[in-house]
Every structure is written in structure tokens, then in C-alpha cells.
Amino acid sequence: MNVRSIAGSVMLAFAVIALMGAGGEAAAAQTPIAPQQHFVGGVNGKQGSAVVDTVCPGPATKHRTGPVKKGQTMAVARMAKGPGDTGRFSHIYAWFQPAPAGAKPVALTFTQYGGSQRIPSSVRVLCSGQGEAVFSSCPYLAPCAAGFIPDTLQVTFKNVAVTPSRGGVRQHLR
């Protein structure tokens, strides 16, 4: 485990504790997900909005997609009152949107609250720009029964493979 993923897990734990103090009452770690439960999703230990680092060397173009940087995570926590609701379901799926043109996004599947999952290297997102992380008990584009409410986080995709220089953009060579 690298320092960034440990820090992300610690940040999500602090956020859950803070929400408990605000009347949210989070479930204990590794509690099974069940129907009719409220939840909140997190990316890299952040809720509400987060930054996701991407690695896209080469020229920057609009709508270009690439991989996320290794070591980043997604997690879900149960809340007494939270933005998401599992409805009739007992799993929570998480994915990024917009999905690359013509592709179905890679989704993580959560069956328990309290543990984070690494975002796989097969996930492709915008190299830079705005998007969303969706946490839903209904799989991507699946017809689902009424009652579920997804939790959607605003995400800023940040390309760490390039840095600004005086004359424009300079690529990192690694």
C-alpha cells in the first residue's frame, strides 16, 4: 500500500467520523450492505467532490481518455441519513462518467461498507476536465426497481503526466 492510498483511507474514515458527529451515524467497518439503507460514496477519501489523477502523456486534446494513476480508491459508508439509498438492493456499484465514447464504464462492486477498493488500471476516464463518480445500487444502465437513489460526486480529472512550463506544456518522462 502506498502513502497516498493510506492517506485516502484515513481521510474517508475521518469524514465518516465527522458525519457521525453531525447525526449521520455510520455503520461499523465491513458491515454487509442490505436493502433500504442510506449510504455515501467516497473517492480518494473525499466525499461530495474529489480529484482523480490521470496519466496521459502526450499532447492534450479535448475529450481524450486515459488511465487513472495507480493507488487511488473508492469506498462506501452506511449512514443513518445520507444522499444514497440502496432501495431493494444489497450491492453498490461505483463508476466514473462520462464513459469513453462507445464504452461501458468499468464498475467496482461493493457488498460491504467500510472497506475501500483500488480503482483498477482498466478504468479509462477523461485525461483532464470534469466528470462524476456514481455510487448506485442499480448497475450502470440496468432497468431497476423503484426506491434506489444514487450518490454522485463531482470529480476533477487532473493529468499528472504533464506540467505547465513557461512555453506551454512539458511532459514528465518516467
C-alpha atoms as a PDB file:
ATOM      1  CA  MET A   1       0.000   0.000   0.000  1.00  0.00           C
ATOM      2  CA  ASN A   2       1.400   3.392  -0.888  1.00  0.00           C
ATOM      3  CA  VAL A   3       1.204   6.553   1.204  1.00  0.00           C
ATOM      4  CA  ARG A   4      -1.489   8.126  -0.992  1.00  0.00           C
ATOM      5  CA  SER A   5      -3.927   5.186  -0.656  1.00  0.00           C
ATOM      6  CA  ILE A   6      -3.326   5.000   3.104  1.00  0.00           C
ATOM      7  CA  ALA A   7      -3.943   8.742   3.351  1.00  0.00           C
ATOM      8  CA  GLY A   8      -7.114   8.363   1.256  1.00  0.00           C
ATOM      9  CA  SER A   9      -8.434   5.613   3.526  1.00  0.00           C
ATOM     10  CA  VAL A  10      -7.659   7.667   6.630  1.00  0.00           C
ATOM     11  CA  MET A  11      -9.393  10.722   5.110  1.00  0.00           C
ATOM     12  CA  LEU A  12     -12.558   8.701   4.374  1.00  0.00           C
ATOM     13  CA  ALA A  13     -12.512   7.344   7.948  1.00  0.00           C
ATOM     14  CA  PHE A  14     -12.252  10.900   9.315  1.00  0.00           C
ATOM     15  CA  ALA A  15     -15.094  12.013   7.052  1.00  0.00           C
ATOM     16  CA  VAL A  16     -17.299   9.159   8.299  1.00  0.00           C
ATOM     17  CA  ILE A  17     -16.466  10.032  11.926  1.00  0.00           C
ATOM     18  CA  ALA A  18     -17.246  13.699  11.238  1.00  0.00           C
ATOM     19  CA  LEU A  19     -20.596  12.752   9.695  1.00  0.00           C
ATOM     20  CA  MET A  20     -21.370  10.586  12.728  1.00  0.00           C
ATOM     21  CA  GLY A  21     -20.896  13.658  14.885  1.00  0.00           C
ATOM     22  CA  ALA A  22     -23.302  15.530  12.603  1.00  0.00           C
ATOM     23  CA  GLY A  23     -26.048  12.955  13.193  1.00  0.00           C
ATOM     24  CA  GLY A  24     -25.114  10.610  10.366  1.00  0.00           C
ATOM     25  CA  GLU A  25     -24.251   7.508  12.448  1.00  0.00           C
ATOM     26  CA  ALA A  26     -22.014   5.475  10.158  1.00  0.00           C
ATOM     27  CA  ALA A  27     -22.057   1.677  10.200  1.00  0.00           C
ATOM     28  CA  ALA A  28     -19.102  -0.279  11.542  1.00  0.00           C
ATOM     29  CA  ALA A  29     -16.383  -1.364   9.113  1.00  0.00           C
ATOM     30  CA  GLN A  30     -17.076  -4.445   7.000  1.00  0.00           C
ATOM     31  CA  THR A  31     -20.855  -4.391   7.587  1.00  0.00           C
ATOM     32  CA  PRO A  32     -22.837  -6.116   4.809  1.00  0.00           C
ATOM     33  CA  ILE A  33     -24.853  -3.859   2.517  1.00  0.00           C
ATOM     34  CA  ALA A  34     -28.593  -4.513   2.775  1.00  0.00           C
ATOM     35  CA  PRO A  35     -31.817  -3.144   1.258  1.00  0.00           C
ATOM     36  CA  GLN A  36     -33.336   0.151   2.450  1.00  0.00           C
ATOM     37  CA  GLN A  37     -30.077   1.680   3.715  1.00  0.00           C
ATOM     38  CA  HIS A  38     -28.646   5.168   3.238  1.00  0.00           C
ATOM     39  CA  PHE A  39     -25.018   5.484   2.145  1.00  0.00           C
ATOM     40  CA  VAL A  40     -22.357   7.913   0.983  1.00  0.00           C
ATOM     41  CA  GLY A  41     -19.636   7.260  -1.589  1.00  0.00           C
ATOM     42  CA  GLY A  42     -16.049   8.429  -1.455  1.00  0.00           C
ATOM     43  CA  VAL A  43     -13.171   8.803  -3.908  1.00  0.00           C
ATOM     44  CA  ASN A  44      -9.621   9.015  -2.548  1.00  0.00           C
ATOM     45  CA  GLY A  45     -11.058   9.629   0.913  1.00  0.00           C
ATOM     46  CA  LYS A  46     -13.216  12.567  -0.213  1.00  0.00           C
ATOM     47  CA  GLN A  47     -16.986  12.949  -0.317  1.00  0.00           C
ATOM     48  CA  GLY A  48     -19.010  15.480  -2.294  1.00  0.00           C
ATOM     49  CA  SER A  49     -16.180  16.247  -4.710  1.00  0.00           C
ATOM     50  CA  ALA A  50     -12.736  14.801  -5.385  1.00  0.00           C
ATOM     51  CA  VAL A  51      -9.685  14.986  -7.629  1.00  0.00           C
ATOM     52  CA  VAL A  52      -8.724  11.888  -9.625  1.00  0.00           C
ATOM     53  CA  ASP A  53      -5.194  11.834 -11.026  1.00  0.00           C
ATOM     54  CA  THR A  54      -4.765  10.528 -14.563  1.00  0.00           C
ATOM     55  CA  VAL A  55      -1.653   9.550 -16.509  1.00  0.00           C
ATOM     56  CA  CYS A  56      -1.973  10.731 -20.107  1.00  0.00           C
ATOM     57  CA  PRO A  57       1.422  11.602 -21.624  1.00  0.00           C
ATOM     58  CA  GLY A  58       1.415  13.293 -24.992  1.00  0.00           C
ATOM     59  CA  PRO A  59      -0.500  16.203 -26.430  1.00  0.00           C
ATOM     60  CA  ALA A  60      -3.585  17.331 -24.534  1.00  0.00           C
ATOM     61  CA  THR A  61      -6.762  17.194 -26.597  1.00  0.00           C
ATOM     62  CA  LYS A  62     -10.392  17.710 -25.636  1.00  0.00           C
ATOM     63  CA  HIS A  63     -12.285  14.525 -24.732  1.00  0.00           C
ATOM     64  CA  ARG A  64      -9.085  12.413 -24.682  1.00  0.00           C
ATOM     65  CA  THR A  65      -9.267   9.475 -22.262  1.00  0.00           C
ATOM     66  CA  GLY A  66      -6.612   7.550 -20.394  1.00  0.00           C
ATOM     67  CA  PRO A  67      -5.898   5.520 -17.265  1.00  0.00           C
ATOM     68  CA  VAL A  68      -6.181   6.671 -13.668  1.00  0.00           C
ATOM     69  CA  LYS A  69      -2.959   6.851 -11.669  1.00  0.00           C
ATOM     70  CA  LYS A  70      -2.297   3.760  -9.531  1.00  0.00           C
ATOM     71  CA  GLY A  71      -3.184   3.679  -5.839  1.00  0.00           C
ATOM     72  CA  GLN A  72      -6.456   5.627  -5.937  1.00  0.00           C
ATOM     73  CA  THR A  73      -9.549   4.274  -4.198  1.00  0.00           C
ATOM     74  CA  MET A  74     -13.324   4.286  -3.952  1.00  0.00           C
ATOM     75  CA  ALA A  75     -15.326   3.416  -0.840  1.00  0.00           C
ATOM     76  CA  VAL A  76     -18.880   3.462   0.559  1.00  0.00           C
ATOM     77  CA  ALA A  77     -20.089   4.074   4.108  1.00  0.00           C
ATOM     78  CA  ARG A  78     -23.542   3.454   5.569  1.00  0.00           C
ATOM     79  CA  MET A  79     -25.270   6.473   7.063  1.00  0.00           C
ATOM     80  CA  ALA A  80     -28.480   6.910   9.074  1.00  0.00           C
ATOM     81  CA  LYS A  81     -29.231   9.812   6.716  1.00  0.00           C
ATOM     82  CA  GLY A  82     -27.184  10.024   3.553  1.00  0.00           C
ATOM     83  CA  PRO A  83     -27.503  11.045  -0.086  1.00  0.00           C
ATOM     84  CA  GLY A  84     -27.726   7.480  -1.447  1.00  0.00           C
ATOM     85  CA  ASP A  85     -30.357   4.791  -0.793  1.00  0.00           C
ATOM     86  CA  THR A  86     -29.955   1.108  -1.681  1.00  0.00           C
ATOM     87  CA  GLY A  87     -33.697   0.669  -2.274  1.00  0.00           C
ATOM     88  CA  ARG A  88     -34.414  -3.058  -2.702  1.00  0.00           C
ATOM     89  CA  PHE A  89     -30.797  -3.997  -3.408  1.00  0.00           C
ATOM     90  CA  SER A  90     -27.791  -5.257  -1.400  1.00  0.00           C
ATOM     91  CA  HIS A  91     -24.849  -4.179  -3.583  1.00  0.00           C
ATOM     92  CA  ILE A  92     -23.447  -0.781  -4.506  1.00  0.00           C
ATOM     93  CA  TYR A  93     -21.735  -0.255  -7.849  1.00  0.00           C
ATOM     94  CA  ALA A  94     -19.329   2.620  -8.479  1.00  0.00           C
ATOM     95  CA  TRP A  95     -18.129   4.021 -11.811  1.00  0.00           C
ATOM     96  CA  PHE A  96     -16.926   7.229 -13.451  1.00  0.00           C
ATOM     97  CA  GLN A  97     -18.767   9.190 -16.093  1.00  0.00           C
ATOM     98  CA  PRO A  98     -18.616  10.309 -18.762  1.00  0.00           C
ATOM     99  CA  ALA A  99     -17.558   6.938 -20.089  1.00  0.00           C
ATOM    100  CA  PRO A 100     -15.185   6.853 -23.057  1.00  0.00           C
ATOM    101  CA  ALA A 101     -17.122   7.096 -26.338  1.00  0.00           C
ATOM    102  CA  GLY A 102     -18.876   3.835 -27.139  1.00  0.00           C
ATOM    103  CA  ALA A 103     -17.661   2.091 -23.971  1.00  0.00           C
ATOM    104  CA  LYS A 104     -19.373   0.843 -20.844  1.00  0.00           C
ATOM    105  CA  PRO A 105     -17.556   2.157 -17.749  1.00  0.00           C
ATOM    106  CA  VAL A 106     -15.653  -0.301 -15.550  1.00  0.00           C
ATOM    107  CA  ALA A 107     -17.581  -0.588 -12.279  1.00  0.00           C
ATOM    108  CA  LEU A 108     -16.448  -1.616  -8.817  1.00  0.00           C
ATOM    109  CA  THR A 109     -18.895  -3.747  -6.798  1.00  0.00           C
ATOM    110  CA  PHE A 110     -19.284  -3.252  -3.051  1.00  0.00           C
ATOM    111  CA  THR A 111     -21.020  -5.881  -0.901  1.00  0.00           C
ATOM    112  CA  GLN A 112     -19.864  -4.420   2.436  1.00  0.00           C
ATOM    113  CA  TYR A 113     -19.468  -0.975   3.937  1.00  0.00           C
ATOM    114  CA  GLY A 114     -16.222   0.269   5.421  1.00  0.00           C
ATOM    115  CA  GLY A 115     -13.563  -1.049   3.071  1.00  0.00           C
ATOM    116  CA  SER A 116     -12.010   0.797   0.165  1.00  0.00           C
ATOM    117  CA  GLN A 117     -11.210  -0.724  -3.223  1.00  0.00           C
ATOM    118  CA  ARG A 118      -8.417   0.325  -5.541  1.00  0.00           C
ATOM    119  CA  ILE A 119      -9.552   1.770  -8.841  1.00  0.00           C
ATOM    120  CA  PRO A 120      -8.320  -0.756 -11.438  1.00  0.00           C
ATOM    121  CA  SER A 121      -5.892   0.247 -14.176  1.00  0.00           C
ATOM    122  CA  SER A 122      -8.505  -0.836 -16.745  1.00  0.00           C
ATOM    123  CA  VAL A 123     -10.637   2.218 -15.837  1.00  0.00           C
ATOM    124  CA  ARG A 124     -10.469   4.918 -18.529  1.00  0.00           C
ATOM    125  CA  VAL A 125     -11.579   8.484 -17.825  1.00  0.00           C
ATOM    126  CA  LEU A 126     -11.111  11.943 -19.298  1.00  0.00           C
ATOM    127  CA  CYS A 127      -7.435  12.902 -19.122  1.00  0.00           C
ATOM    128  CA  SER A 128      -8.465  16.267 -17.705  1.00  0.00           C
ATOM    129  CA  GLY A 129     -11.706  18.056 -17.007  1.00  0.00           C
ATOM    130  CA  GLN A 130     -14.895  17.480 -15.089  1.00  0.00           C
ATOM    131  CA  GLY A 131     -16.877  14.303 -14.525  1.00  0.00           C
ATOM    132  CA  GLU A 132     -18.725  12.345 -11.880  1.00  0.00           C
ATOM    133  CA  ALA A 133     -18.265   9.293  -9.712  1.00  0.00           C
ATOM    134  CA  VAL A 134     -21.579   7.470  -9.397  1.00  0.00           C
ATOM    135  CA  PHE A 135     -22.369   5.148  -6.477  1.00  0.00           C
ATOM    136  CA  SER A 136     -25.590   3.256  -7.152  1.00  0.00           C
ATOM    137  CA  SER A 137     -27.307   0.066  -6.048  1.00  0.00           C
ATOM    138  CA  CYS A 138     -28.525  -0.251  -9.624  1.00  0.00           C
ATOM    139  CA  PRO A 139     -25.831  -1.344 -12.136  1.00  0.00           C
ATOM    140  CA  TYR A 140     -24.898   1.007 -14.997  1.00  0.00           C
ATOM    141  CA  LEU A 141     -27.849   1.407 -17.420  1.00  0.00           C
ATOM    142  CA  ALA A 142     -29.728  -1.564 -15.869  1.00  0.00           C
ATOM    143  CA  PRO A 143     -33.509  -1.453 -15.533  1.00  0.00           C
ATOM    144  CA  CYS A 144     -34.073  -1.313 -11.767  1.00  0.00           C
ATOM    145  CA  ALA A 145     -36.950  -1.316  -9.316  1.00  0.00           C
ATOM    146  CA  ALA A 146     -38.034   1.955  -7.748  1.00  0.00           C
ATOM    147  CA  GLY A 147     -36.580   3.112  -4.461  1.00  0.00           C
ATOM    148  CA  PHE A 148     -32.846   3.312  -5.113  1.00  0.00           C
ATOM    149  CA  ILE A 149     -31.128   6.716  -5.066  1.00  0.00           C
ATOM    150  CA  PRO A 150     -27.539   7.051  -6.320  1.00  0.00           C
ATOM    151  CA  ASP A 151     -24.903   9.234  -4.645  1.00  0.00           C
ATOM    152  CA  THR A 152     -22.987  11.260  -7.240  1.00  0.00           C
ATOM    153  CA  LEU A 153     -19.691  13.018  -6.508  1.00  0.00           C
ATOM    154  CA  GLN A 154     -18.284  15.798  -8.673  1.00  0.00           C
ATOM    155  CA  VAL A 155     -14.833  14.789  -9.927  1.00  0.00           C
ATOM    156  CA  THR A 156     -11.999  16.805 -11.427  1.00  0.00           C
ATOM    157  CA  PHE A 157      -9.712  14.669 -13.577  1.00  0.00           C
ATOM    158  CA  LYS A 158      -6.135  16.009 -13.340  1.00  0.00           C
ATOM    159  CA  ASN A 159      -3.455  14.815 -15.759  1.00  0.00           C
ATOM    160  CA  VAL A 160      -0.251  14.332 -13.743  1.00  0.00           C
ATOM    161  CA  ALA A 161       1.756  13.256 -16.808  1.00  0.00           C
ATOM    162  CA  VAL A 162       2.159  16.853 -17.957  1.00  0.00           C
ATOM    163  CA  THR A 163       3.081  20.044 -16.123  1.00  0.00           C
ATOM    164  CA  PRO A 164       2.856  23.637 -17.230  1.00  0.00           C
ATOM    165  CA  SER A 165       6.079  25.277 -18.334  1.00  0.00           C
ATOM    166  CA  ARG A 166       6.840  28.822 -19.449  1.00  0.00           C
ATOM    167  CA  GLY A 167       6.376  27.917 -23.084  1.00  0.00           C
ATOM    168  CA  GLY A 168       3.299  25.695 -22.721  1.00  0.00           C
ATOM    169  CA  VAL A 169       3.101  22.083 -21.538  1.00  0.00           C
ATOM    170  CA  ARG A 170       6.043  19.886 -20.627  1.00  0.00           C
ATOM    171  CA  GLN A 171       5.750  16.088 -20.424  1.00  0.00           C
ATOM    172  CA  HIS A 172       7.039  14.086 -17.498  1.00  0.00           C
ATOM    173  CA  LEU A 173       9.346  11.335 -18.686  1.00  0.00           C
ATOM    174  CA  ARG A 174       9.104   8.287 -16.457  1.00  0.00           C
END
